[in-house]
Amino acid sequence: MKLLSVKPSTRAGKKLMATFETPEGRKRTTHFGAAGMDDYTKTRDPGQRAKYRSRHRKDLETGDPTRAGFLSWYILWGDSASIDANVSAFKSRFNL
């Protein structure tokens, strides 16, 4: 699996969309992040980030980094307040 891009979502009610390429060459798009809601890249509030991560830890149980829960956890609520830095870290962490 390879992460091709992370762009603003074309779906109403979502912030971003990630496009992946499967080993077979097919493209898969995942829309994630609730539009109109805060995230760490906007607020830069570590307390809010900790609360989000506490509530959403279960999203990582799927083990699938292409799922919306993974993308939100690592990109919108990642270690940095920069989306670009979080995308780069996400790609490195999951070899995408």
Protein backbone atom coordinates (compact mmCIF):
# COMPACT_ATOMS: atom_id res chain seq x y z
CA MET A 1 0.00 0.00 0.00
CA LYS A 2 1.24 3.49 -0.82
CA LEU A 3 -0.12 6.86 0.32
CA LEU A 4 -0.42 9.06 -2.76
CA SER A 5 -1.93 12.23 -1.31
CA VAL A 6 -3.83 13.93 1.50
CA LYS A 7 -6.08 16.75 0.25
CA PRO A 8 -9.20 18.63 1.31
CA SER A 9 -12.20 16.31 1.12
CA THR A 10 -14.75 16.47 -1.67
CA ARG A 11 -17.34 14.87 0.63
CA ALA A 12 -19.66 17.11 2.63
CA GLY A 13 -19.03 16.90 6.34
CA LYS A 14 -15.41 15.70 6.05
CA LYS A 15 -12.13 17.67 6.33
CA LEU A 16 -9.59 15.63 4.40
CA MET A 17 -9.26 12.67 2.09
CA ALA A 18 -6.32 10.31 1.71
CA THR A 19 -5.73 8.47 -1.55
CA PHE A 20 -3.87 5.16 -1.42
CA GLU A 21 -2.60 2.87 -4.16
CA THR A 22 -2.97 -0.85 -3.50
CA PRO A 23 -0.28 -3.36 -4.50
CA GLU A 24 -2.56 -4.30 -7.44
CA GLY A 25 -2.46 -0.69 -8.70
CA ARG A 26 -6.01 0.24 -7.67
CA LYS A 27 -6.76 3.54 -5.95
CA ARG A 28 -8.62 3.72 -2.66
CA THR A 29 -9.82 6.96 -1.05
CA THR A 30 -10.68 7.44 2.61
CA HIS A 31 -12.43 10.61 3.79
CA PHE A 32 -11.78 11.54 7.41
CA GLY A 33 -12.15 14.26 10.02
CA ALA A 34 -15.47 15.88 10.87
CA ALA A 35 -15.80 19.26 9.18
CA GLY A 36 -16.51 22.07 11.59
CA MET A 37 -14.90 20.27 14.53
CA ASP A 38 -11.61 21.24 16.18
CA ASP A 39 -8.46 19.17 15.89
CA TYR A 40 -4.90 19.50 17.18
CA THR A 41 -3.69 21.17 13.97
CA LYS A 42 -6.14 24.02 14.64
CA THR A 43 -6.16 24.40 18.42
CA ARG A 44 -2.64 23.24 19.35
CA ASP A 45 -4.12 22.33 22.76
CA PRO A 46 -2.28 19.32 24.27
CA GLY A 47 -5.06 18.74 26.80
CA GLN A 48 -7.69 18.51 24.07
CA ARG A 49 -5.40 16.17 22.12
CA ALA A 50 -4.99 13.89 25.14
CA LYS A 51 -8.76 13.73 25.63
CA TYR A 52 -9.35 12.92 21.93
CA ARG A 53 -6.75 10.17 22.01
CA SER A 54 -8.22 8.71 25.18
CA ARG A 55 -11.68 8.52 23.60
CA HIS A 56 -10.49 7.19 20.24
CA ARG A 57 -7.79 4.68 21.22
CA LYS A 58 -10.19 1.92 20.12
CA ASP A 59 -9.95 3.18 16.51
CA LEU A 60 -6.44 1.70 16.32
CA GLU A 61 -7.64 -1.82 17.09
CA THR A 62 -8.37 -2.47 13.40
CA GLY A 63 -4.65 -2.40 12.62
CA ASP A 64 -5.47 -0.86 9.21
CA PRO A 65 -3.73 2.50 8.59
CA THR A 66 -6.07 3.23 5.66
CA ARG A 67 -9.09 3.56 7.99
CA ALA A 68 -10.46 6.97 8.94
CA GLY A 69 -9.76 6.44 12.65
CA PHE A 70 -6.06 5.85 11.98
CA LEU A 71 -5.83 8.85 9.66
CA SER A 72 -7.51 11.18 12.16
CA TRP A 73 -5.37 9.88 15.04
CA TYR A 74 -2.03 10.33 13.25
CA ILE A 75 -2.71 13.29 10.93
CA LEU A 76 -5.27 15.55 12.62
CA TRP A 77 -4.29 14.64 16.18
CA GLY A 78 -0.65 13.69 15.57
CA ASP A 79 2.50 14.71 17.44
CA SER A 80 2.83 17.96 15.48
CA ALA A 81 0.39 20.80 14.85
CA SER A 82 1.49 20.69 11.19
CA ILE A 83 -0.53 18.48 8.83
CA ASP A 84 2.48 18.15 6.49
CA ALA A 85 4.74 16.97 9.33
CA ASN A 86 2.08 14.51 10.51
CA VAL A 87 1.58 13.11 6.98
CA SER A 88 5.33 12.61 6.65
CA ALA A 89 5.51 10.85 10.04
CA PHE A 90 2.46 8.72 9.13
CA LYS A 91 4.09 7.58 5.87
CA SER A 92 7.32 6.68 7.69
CA ARG A 93 5.57 4.86 10.55
CA PHE A 94 3.50 2.64 8.25
CA ASN A 95 5.91 2.36 5.28
CA LEU A 96 3.47 4.01 2.93
